Amino acid sequence: MNEELCIEARNITGQYFKEGYNCAESIFLAFKEYVDADDAILRIFTAFGGGHGRAGCTCGALMGAISIISLLTGRTSTNDEDKENCYSYSKEFHNRFVEQFKTSCCRALNTYDFDTREHAVNCLKITGKTGQMLMAYLLEKELLNL
């Protein structure tokens, strides 16, 4: 069952990317039902594409995944909640991403020019794999209400 959910997350994430959403938007849309977020939040994820608006910095798929983790574990006030859980989960997922891809930098992950077929194909692979990794991580940490 868990493996099926992970493959499904990869496929759904990839499908959103193929439809024209960027890497971060695709992650959000694939996991939206788990974080009970409305479509307006998609706007936040738009800026993460291309490593922050094509700046080539932190991978947008990674930023999308970290944002999903934060939506599930982040705090809503400074007085009542501890941020360390969210920090810990985010750091651990980041480290797994880097272990998998050897970097978190968009321009190092994908050396092809933006808006080329090669770039899109490579991003599709990275985005789909990140969706799969995120689902596996959320299941492992029991962060989803299934």
N, C-alpha and C. Protein backbone atom coordinates (compact mmCIF):
# COMPACT_ATOMS: atom_id res chain seq x y z
N MET A 1 0.82 -1.20 0.00
CA MET A 1 0.00 0.00 0.00
C MET A 1 0.86 1.26 0.00
N ASN A 2 1.86 1.34 0.88
CA ASN A 2 2.72 2.52 0.94
C ASN A 2 3.46 2.75 -0.36
N GLU A 3 3.99 1.67 -0.93
CA GLU A 3 4.72 1.79 -2.20
C GLU A 3 3.78 2.29 -3.30
N GLU A 4 2.56 1.81 -3.31
CA GLU A 4 1.58 2.27 -4.29
C GLU A 4 1.30 3.77 -4.14
N LEU A 5 1.16 4.23 -2.90
CA LEU A 5 0.93 5.66 -2.66
C LEU A 5 2.11 6.49 -3.13
N CYS A 6 3.31 5.99 -2.94
CA CYS A 6 4.51 6.71 -3.36
C CYS A 6 4.60 6.81 -4.87
N ILE A 7 4.32 5.72 -5.56
CA ILE A 7 4.32 5.73 -7.02
C ILE A 7 3.21 6.63 -7.55
N GLU A 8 2.04 6.57 -6.91
CA GLU A 8 0.93 7.43 -7.30
C GLU A 8 1.31 8.90 -7.12
N ALA A 9 1.97 9.23 -6.02
CA ALA A 9 2.41 10.62 -5.77
C ALA A 9 3.38 11.06 -6.86
N ARG A 10 4.31 10.19 -7.25
CA ARG A 10 5.25 10.50 -8.32
C ARG A 10 4.50 10.80 -9.62
N ASN A 11 3.55 9.94 -9.94
CA ASN A 11 2.81 10.08 -11.19
C ASN A 11 1.93 11.32 -11.21
N ILE A 12 1.26 11.59 -10.12
CA ILE A 12 0.40 12.77 -10.03
C ILE A 12 1.24 14.05 -10.11
N THR A 13 2.34 14.07 -9.39
CA THR A 13 3.23 15.22 -9.42
C THR A 13 3.73 15.45 -10.85
N GLY A 14 4.17 14.38 -11.49
CA GLY A 14 4.65 14.47 -12.86
C GLY A 14 3.57 14.93 -13.82
N GLN A 15 2.35 14.48 -13.62
CA GLN A 15 1.26 14.88 -14.50
C GLN A 15 0.99 16.38 -14.39
N TYR A 16 1.01 16.90 -13.18
CA TYR A 16 0.82 18.35 -13.03
C TYR A 16 1.94 19.11 -13.74
N PHE A 17 3.17 18.60 -13.64
CA PHE A 17 4.29 19.25 -14.31
C PHE A 17 4.07 19.23 -15.83
N LYS A 18 3.64 18.09 -16.34
CA LYS A 18 3.37 17.98 -17.79
C LYS A 18 2.27 18.92 -18.25
N GLU A 19 1.35 19.25 -17.34
CA GLU A 19 0.25 20.15 -17.67
C GLU A 19 0.70 21.62 -17.71
N GLY A 20 1.93 21.87 -17.28
CA GLY A 20 2.45 23.24 -17.35
C GLY A 20 2.70 23.91 -16.02
N TYR A 21 2.41 23.23 -14.93
CA TYR A 21 2.74 23.78 -13.62
C TYR A 21 4.24 23.64 -13.39
N ASN A 22 4.83 24.55 -12.63
CA ASN A 22 6.25 24.40 -12.34
C ASN A 22 6.46 23.32 -11.27
N CYS A 23 7.70 23.07 -10.94
CA CYS A 23 8.03 21.98 -10.02
C CYS A 23 7.38 22.15 -8.65
N ALA A 24 7.47 23.34 -8.08
CA ALA A 24 6.90 23.58 -6.74
C ALA A 24 5.38 23.52 -6.78
N GLU A 25 4.78 24.12 -7.80
CA GLU A 25 3.33 24.08 -7.94
C GLU A 25 2.84 22.63 -8.07
N SER A 26 3.58 21.83 -8.81
CA SER A 26 3.21 20.42 -9.01
C SER A 26 3.23 19.65 -7.70
N ILE A 27 4.23 19.90 -6.88
CA ILE A 27 4.29 19.26 -5.56
C ILE A 27 3.08 19.68 -4.74
N PHE A 28 2.81 20.99 -4.69
CA PHE A 28 1.67 21.46 -3.91
C PHE A 28 0.37 20.81 -4.38
N LEU A 29 0.12 20.83 -5.66
CA LEU A 29 -1.13 20.30 -6.18
C LEU A 29 -1.28 18.80 -5.90
N ALA A 30 -0.17 18.07 -5.98
CA ALA A 30 -0.22 16.63 -5.71
C ALA A 30 -0.52 16.33 -4.24
N PHE A 31 -0.15 17.24 -3.35
CA PHE A 31 -0.30 17.00 -1.91
C PHE A 31 -1.36 17.90 -1.27
N LYS A 32 -2.03 18.72 -2.05
CA LYS A 32 -3.00 19.69 -1.54
C LYS A 32 -4.06 19.05 -0.66
N GLU A 33 -4.55 17.90 -1.05
CA GLU A 33 -5.63 17.26 -0.29
C GLU A 33 -5.18 16.88 1.13
N TYR A 34 -3.90 16.66 1.32
CA TYR A 34 -3.39 16.25 2.63
C TYR A 34 -3.18 17.42 3.58
N VAL A 35 -3.05 18.61 3.02
CA VAL A 35 -2.80 19.78 3.87
C VAL A 35 -4.03 20.68 3.99
N ASP A 36 -5.15 20.27 3.36
CA ASP A 36 -6.40 21.00 3.45
C ASP A 36 -6.20 22.47 3.12
N ALA A 37 -5.54 22.72 1.98
CA ALA A 37 -5.26 24.08 1.55
C ALA A 37 -6.13 24.44 0.35
N ASP A 38 -6.41 25.71 0.23
CA ASP A 38 -7.21 26.10 -0.93
C ASP A 38 -6.29 26.54 -2.08
N ASP A 39 -6.88 26.70 -3.24
CA ASP A 39 -6.11 26.97 -4.45
C ASP A 39 -5.33 28.28 -4.39
N ALA A 40 -5.76 29.23 -3.58
CA ALA A 40 -5.06 30.50 -3.49
C ALA A 40 -3.62 30.31 -3.02
N ILE A 41 -3.37 29.29 -2.23
CA ILE A 41 -2.02 29.02 -1.74
C ILE A 41 -1.08 28.64 -2.88
N LEU A 42 -1.63 28.16 -3.98
CA LEU A 42 -0.81 27.83 -5.14
C LEU A 42 0.07 29.00 -5.55
N ARG A 43 -0.42 30.21 -5.37
CA ARG A 43 0.34 31.41 -5.74
C ARG A 43 1.68 31.48 -5.02
N ILE A 44 1.72 31.04 -3.79
CA ILE A 44 2.98 31.06 -3.03
C ILE A 44 4.01 30.17 -3.71
N PHE A 45 3.57 29.05 -4.23
CA PHE A 45 4.47 28.06 -4.82
C PHE A 45 5.01 28.49 -6.18
N THR A 46 4.31 29.38 -6.86
CA THR A 46 4.73 29.83 -8.18
C THR A 46 6.14 30.42 -8.14
N ALA A 47 6.45 31.20 -7.14
CA ALA A 47 7.74 31.88 -7.06
C ALA A 47 8.92 30.93 -6.88
N PHE A 48 8.67 29.71 -6.43
CA PHE A 48 9.75 28.76 -6.17
C PHE A 48 10.30 28.11 -7.43
N GLY A 49 9.55 28.16 -8.53
CA GLY A 49 9.97 27.50 -9.76
C GLY A 49 11.29 28.04 -10.28
N GLY A 50 12.10 27.15 -10.83
CA GLY A 50 13.39 27.56 -11.38
C GLY A 50 14.38 28.01 -10.31
N GLY A 51 14.21 27.48 -9.12
CA GLY A 51 15.12 27.87 -8.04
C GLY A 51 14.91 29.31 -7.63
N HIS A 52 13.68 29.68 -7.37
CA HIS A 52 13.25 31.03 -6.97
C HIS A 52 13.21 31.95 -8.18
N GLY A 53 12.18 31.78 -8.99
CA GLY A 53 11.96 32.67 -10.13
C GLY A 53 13.07 32.59 -11.17
N ARG A 54 13.56 31.40 -11.38
CA ARG A 54 14.65 31.12 -12.34
C ARG A 54 16.00 31.70 -11.92
N ALA A 55 16.16 31.97 -10.64
CA ALA A 55 17.46 32.41 -10.15
C ALA A 55 18.44 31.24 -10.07
N GLY A 56 17.92 30.02 -10.10
CA GLY A 56 18.77 28.84 -10.08
C GLY A 56 19.24 28.44 -8.69
N CYS A 57 18.60 28.99 -7.68
CA CYS A 57 19.01 28.66 -6.30
C CYS A 57 18.35 27.36 -5.86
N THR A 58 17.82 27.29 -4.65
CA THR A 58 17.26 26.04 -4.13
C THR A 58 16.18 25.51 -5.07
N CYS A 59 16.26 24.23 -5.36
CA CYS A 59 15.33 23.55 -6.26
C CYS A 59 13.89 23.81 -5.82
N GLY A 60 13.05 24.19 -6.78
CA GLY A 60 11.65 24.45 -6.48
C GLY A 60 10.89 23.24 -6.00
N ALA A 61 11.23 22.06 -6.52
CA ALA A 61 10.57 20.84 -6.05
C ALA A 61 10.89 20.62 -4.57
N LEU A 62 12.13 20.86 -4.19
CA LEU A 62 12.52 20.74 -2.78
C LEU A 62 11.79 21.78 -1.95
N MET A 63 11.73 23.01 -2.43
CA MET A 63 11.02 24.06 -1.69
C MET A 63 9.53 23.72 -1.55
N GLY A 64 8.96 23.15 -2.60
CA GLY A 64 7.57 22.73 -2.52
C GLY A 64 7.37 21.65 -1.47
N ALA A 65 8.28 20.68 -1.45
CA ALA A 65 8.18 19.59 -0.47
C ALA A 65 8.35 20.12 0.95
N ILE A 66 9.31 20.98 1.15
CA ILE A 66 9.53 21.56 2.48
C ILE A 66 8.29 22.37 2.90
N SER A 67 7.68 23.05 1.96
CA SER A 67 6.47 23.82 2.27
C SER A 67 5.31 22.92 2.68
N ILE A 68 5.19 21.78 2.03
CA ILE A 68 4.15 20.81 2.43
C ILE A 68 4.43 20.33 3.85
N ILE A 69 5.67 20.01 4.13
CA ILE A 69 6.03 19.60 5.50
C ILE A 69 5.68 20.70 6.49
N SER A 70 5.96 21.93 6.13
CA SER A 70 5.65 23.05 7.01
C SER A 70 4.15 23.23 7.18
N LEU A 71 3.38 23.06 6.12
CA LEU A 71 1.93 23.15 6.25
C LEU A 71 1.38 22.08 7.17
N LEU A 72 2.05 20.94 7.24
CA LEU A 72 1.61 19.85 8.11
C LEU A 72 2.11 19.99 9.55
N THR A 73 3.27 20.60 9.74
CA THR A 73 3.90 20.59 11.07
C THR A 73 4.23 21.97 11.62
N GLY A 74 4.03 23.02 10.82
CA GLY A 74 4.39 24.36 11.26
C GLY A 74 3.48 24.90 12.33
N ARG A 75 3.91 25.96 12.93
CA ARG A 75 3.14 26.55 14.01
C ARG A 75 2.27 27.70 13.50
N THR A 76 1.31 28.08 14.30
CA THR A 76 0.42 29.18 13.95
C THR A 76 0.52 30.33 14.93
N SER A 77 1.31 30.17 15.97
CA SER A 77 1.55 31.27 16.91
C SER A 77 2.91 31.06 17.56
N THR A 78 3.45 32.10 18.12
CA THR A 78 4.76 31.99 18.76
C THR A 78 4.67 31.49 20.19
N ASN A 79 3.51 31.61 20.79
CA ASN A 79 3.40 31.28 22.21
C ASN A 79 3.02 29.83 22.48
N ASP A 80 2.23 29.24 21.60
CA ASP A 80 1.66 27.94 21.92
C ASP A 80 2.38 26.75 21.31
N GLU A 81 3.22 27.00 20.35
CA GLU A 81 3.75 25.86 19.61
C GLU A 81 5.27 25.96 19.44
N ASP A 82 5.86 24.83 19.35
CA ASP A 82 7.29 24.72 19.17
C ASP A 82 7.61 24.57 17.69
N LYS A 83 8.58 25.30 17.22
CA LYS A 83 8.96 25.23 15.81
C LYS A 83 9.98 24.13 15.53
N GLU A 84 10.56 23.56 16.56
CA GLU A 84 11.65 22.60 16.37
C GLU A 84 11.24 21.34 15.63
N ASN A 85 10.02 20.86 15.83
CA ASN A 85 9.55 19.69 15.08
C ASN A 85 9.58 19.98 13.58
N CYS A 86 9.01 21.10 13.21
CA CYS A 86 8.98 21.49 11.79
C CYS A 86 10.40 21.65 11.26
N TYR A 87 11.26 22.29 12.01
CA TYR A 87 12.66 22.46 11.58
C TYR A 87 13.33 21.11 11.38
N SER A 88 13.11 20.23 12.32
CA SER A 88 13.74 18.91 12.25
C SER A 88 13.29 18.13 11.02
N TYR A 89 11.96 18.09 10.79
CA TYR A 89 11.44 17.39 9.62
C TYR A 89 11.97 18.01 8.33
N SER A 90 11.97 19.33 8.27
CA SER A 90 12.43 20.02 7.06
C SER A 90 13.90 19.75 6.78
N LYS A 91 14.70 19.82 7.80
CA LYS A 91 16.13 19.57 7.63
C LYS A 91 16.38 18.12 7.20
N GLU A 92 15.68 17.20 7.83
CA GLU A 92 15.87 15.79 7.49
C GLU A 92 15.47 15.52 6.04
N PHE A 93 14.34 16.08 5.60
CA PHE A 93 13.94 15.87 4.21
C PHE A 93 14.95 16.52 3.26
N HIS A 94 15.40 17.72 3.58
CA HIS A 94 16.42 18.39 2.78
C HIS A 94 17.65 17.50 2.64
N ASN A 95 18.10 16.93 3.73
CA ASN A 95 19.29 16.08 3.68
C ASN A 95 19.06 14.84 2.83
N ARG A 96 17.88 14.28 2.88
CA ARG A 96 17.56 13.13 2.03
C ARG A 96 17.55 13.53 0.55
N PHE A 97 17.02 14.70 0.27
CA PHE A 97 17.00 15.20 -1.10
C PHE A 97 18.44 15.33 -1.61
N VAL A 98 19.29 15.95 -0.83
CA VAL A 98 20.68 16.14 -1.22
C VAL A 98 21.39 14.79 -1.36
N GLU A 99 21.08 13.85 -0.50
CA GLU A 99 21.65 12.51 -0.62
C GLU A 99 21.24 11.87 -1.94
N GLN A 100 20.00 12.05 -2.32
CA GLN A 100 19.47 11.47 -3.56
C GLN A 100 20.06 12.15 -4.80
N PHE A 101 20.07 13.49 -4.80
CA PHE A 101 20.43 14.25 -6.00
C PHE A 101 21.81 14.89 -5.95
N LYS A 102 22.50 14.79 -4.83
CA LYS A 102 23.86 15.30 -4.63
C LYS A 102 23.95 16.81 -4.48
N THR A 103 22.84 17.52 -4.58
CA THR A 103 22.80 18.97 -4.39
C THR A 103 21.35 19.40 -4.22
N SER A 104 21.16 20.61 -3.72
CA SER A 104 19.81 21.18 -3.66
C SER A 104 19.69 22.38 -4.59
N CYS A 105 20.74 22.68 -5.30
CA CYS A 105 20.81 23.85 -6.18
C CYS A 105 20.21 23.55 -7.55
N CYS A 106 19.22 24.33 -7.95
CA CYS A 106 18.52 24.13 -9.22
C CYS A 106 19.49 24.12 -10.40
N ARG A 107 20.37 25.09 -10.49
CA ARG A 107 21.25 25.19 -11.66
C ARG A 107 22.26 24.05 -11.71
N ALA A 108 22.56 23.44 -10.58
CA ALA A 108 23.46 22.28 -10.56
C ALA A 108 22.69 20.99 -10.88
N LEU A 109 21.43 20.94 -10.48
CA LEU A 109 20.58 19.78 -10.78
C LEU A 109 20.22 19.71 -12.25
N ASN A 110 20.05 20.86 -12.85
CA ASN A 110 19.60 20.92 -14.23
C ASN A 110 20.41 21.97 -14.98
N THR A 111 21.40 21.53 -15.71
CA THR A 111 22.33 22.44 -16.39
C THR A 111 21.83 22.90 -17.76
N TYR A 112 20.69 22.38 -18.19
CA TYR A 112 20.13 22.80 -19.48
C TYR A 112 19.49 24.18 -19.37
N ASP A 113 19.43 24.88 -20.49
CA ASP A 113 18.79 26.19 -20.52
C ASP A 113 17.30 26.06 -20.21
N PHE A 114 16.77 27.04 -19.45
CA PHE A 114 15.34 27.07 -19.17
C PHE A 114 14.59 27.11 -20.50
N ASP A 115 13.41 26.58 -20.48
CA ASP A 115 12.51 26.56 -21.64
C ASP A 115 13.01 25.71 -22.80
N THR A 116 13.91 24.77 -22.51
CA THR A 116 14.29 23.79 -23.52
C THR A 116 13.66 22.46 -23.17
N ARG A 117 13.53 21.61 -24.16
CA ARG A 117 12.95 20.29 -23.94
C ARG A 117 13.78 19.50 -22.93
N GLU A 118 15.10 19.59 -23.05
CA GLU A 118 16.00 18.86 -22.15
C GLU A 118 15.79 19.29 -20.70
N HIS A 119 15.64 20.59 -20.52
CA HIS A 119 15.42 21.12 -19.17
C HIS A 119 14.10 20.58 -18.61
N ALA A 120 13.06 20.62 -19.43
CA ALA A 120 11.73 20.16 -18.98
C ALA A 120 11.76 18.68 -18.63
N VAL A 121 12.42 17.86 -19.45
CA VAL A 121 12.48 16.42 -19.19
C VAL A 121 13.23 16.15 -17.89
N ASN A 122 14.33 16.85 -17.68
CA ASN A 122 15.10 16.66 -16.45
C ASN A 122 14.31 17.12 -15.23
N CYS A 123 13.64 18.26 -15.33
CA CYS A 123 12.81 18.75 -14.22
C CYS A 123 11.65 17.80 -13.92
N LEU A 124 11.07 17.23 -14.96
CA LEU A 124 9.99 16.26 -14.77
C LEU A 124 10.48 15.09 -13.92
N LYS A 125 11.66 14.59 -14.22
CA LYS A 125 12.21 13.47 -13.46
C LYS A 125 12.47 13.86 -12.00
N ILE A 126 13.07 15.01 -11.81
CA ILE A 126 13.38 15.48 -10.45
C ILE A 126 12.10 15.74 -9.66
N THR A 127 11.13 16.39 -10.30
CA THR A 127 9.87 16.72 -9.63
C THR A 127 9.10 15.46 -9.26
N GLY A 128 9.00 14.53 -10.19
CA GLY A 128 8.30 13.27 -9.90
C GLY A 128 8.96 12.51 -8.78
N LYS A 129 10.28 12.40 -8.84
CA LYS A 129 11.02 11.69 -7.79
C LYS A 129 10.86 12.38 -6.44
N THR A 130 10.85 13.70 -6.44
CA THR A 130 10.66 14.44 -5.18
C THR A 130 9.27 14.18 -4.61
N GLY A 131 8.25 14.12 -5.46
CA GLY A 131 6.91 13.78 -4.99
C GLY A 131 6.87 12.39 -4.37
N GLN A 132 7.55 11.46 -5.00
CA GLN A 132 7.63 10.09 -4.48
C GLN A 132 8.35 10.07 -3.14
N MET A 133 9.47 10.78 -3.06
CA MET A 133 10.23 10.84 -1.81
C MET A 133 9.41 11.50 -0.69
N LEU A 134 8.69 12.56 -1.05
CA LEU A 134 7.90 13.26 -0.04
C LEU A 134 6.81 12.35 0.52
N MET A 135 6.12 11.63 -0.35
CA MET A 135 5.07 10.73 0.14
C MET A 135 5.68 9.67 1.06
N ALA A 136 6.80 9.09 0.66
CA ALA A 136 7.46 8.08 1.50
C ALA A 136 7.84 8.68 2.85
N TYR A 137 8.35 9.90 2.83
CA TYR A 137 8.76 10.56 4.07
C TYR A 137 7.56 10.83 4.98
N LEU A 138 6.50 11.38 4.41
CA LEU A 138 5.32 11.70 5.21
C LEU A 138 4.69 10.44 5.81
N LEU A 139 4.71 9.35 5.05
CA LEU A 139 4.20 8.08 5.57
C LEU A 139 5.10 7.54 6.67
N GLU A 140 6.40 7.59 6.45
CA GLU A 140 7.36 7.10 7.45
C GLU A 140 7.21 7.86 8.77
N LYS A 141 7.03 9.16 8.69
CA LYS A 141 6.93 9.99 9.90
C LYS A 141 5.51 10.08 10.43
N GLU A 142 4.59 9.39 9.77
CA GLU A 142 3.18 9.37 10.17
C GLU A 142 2.60 10.78 10.27
N LEU A 143 2.86 11.58 9.24
CA LEU A 143 2.40 12.96 9.22
C LEU A 143 1.09 13.13 8.44
N LEU A 144 0.60 12.07 7.84
CA LEU A 144 -0.65 12.13 7.08
C LEU A 144 -1.77 11.43 7.82
N ASN A 145 -2.93 12.00 7.73
CA ASN A 145 -4.13 11.37 8.29
C ASN A 145 -4.78 10.54 7.18
N LEU A 146 -4.40 9.28 7.09
CA LEU A 146 -4.95 8.41 6.05
C LEU A 146 -5.99 7.48 6.62
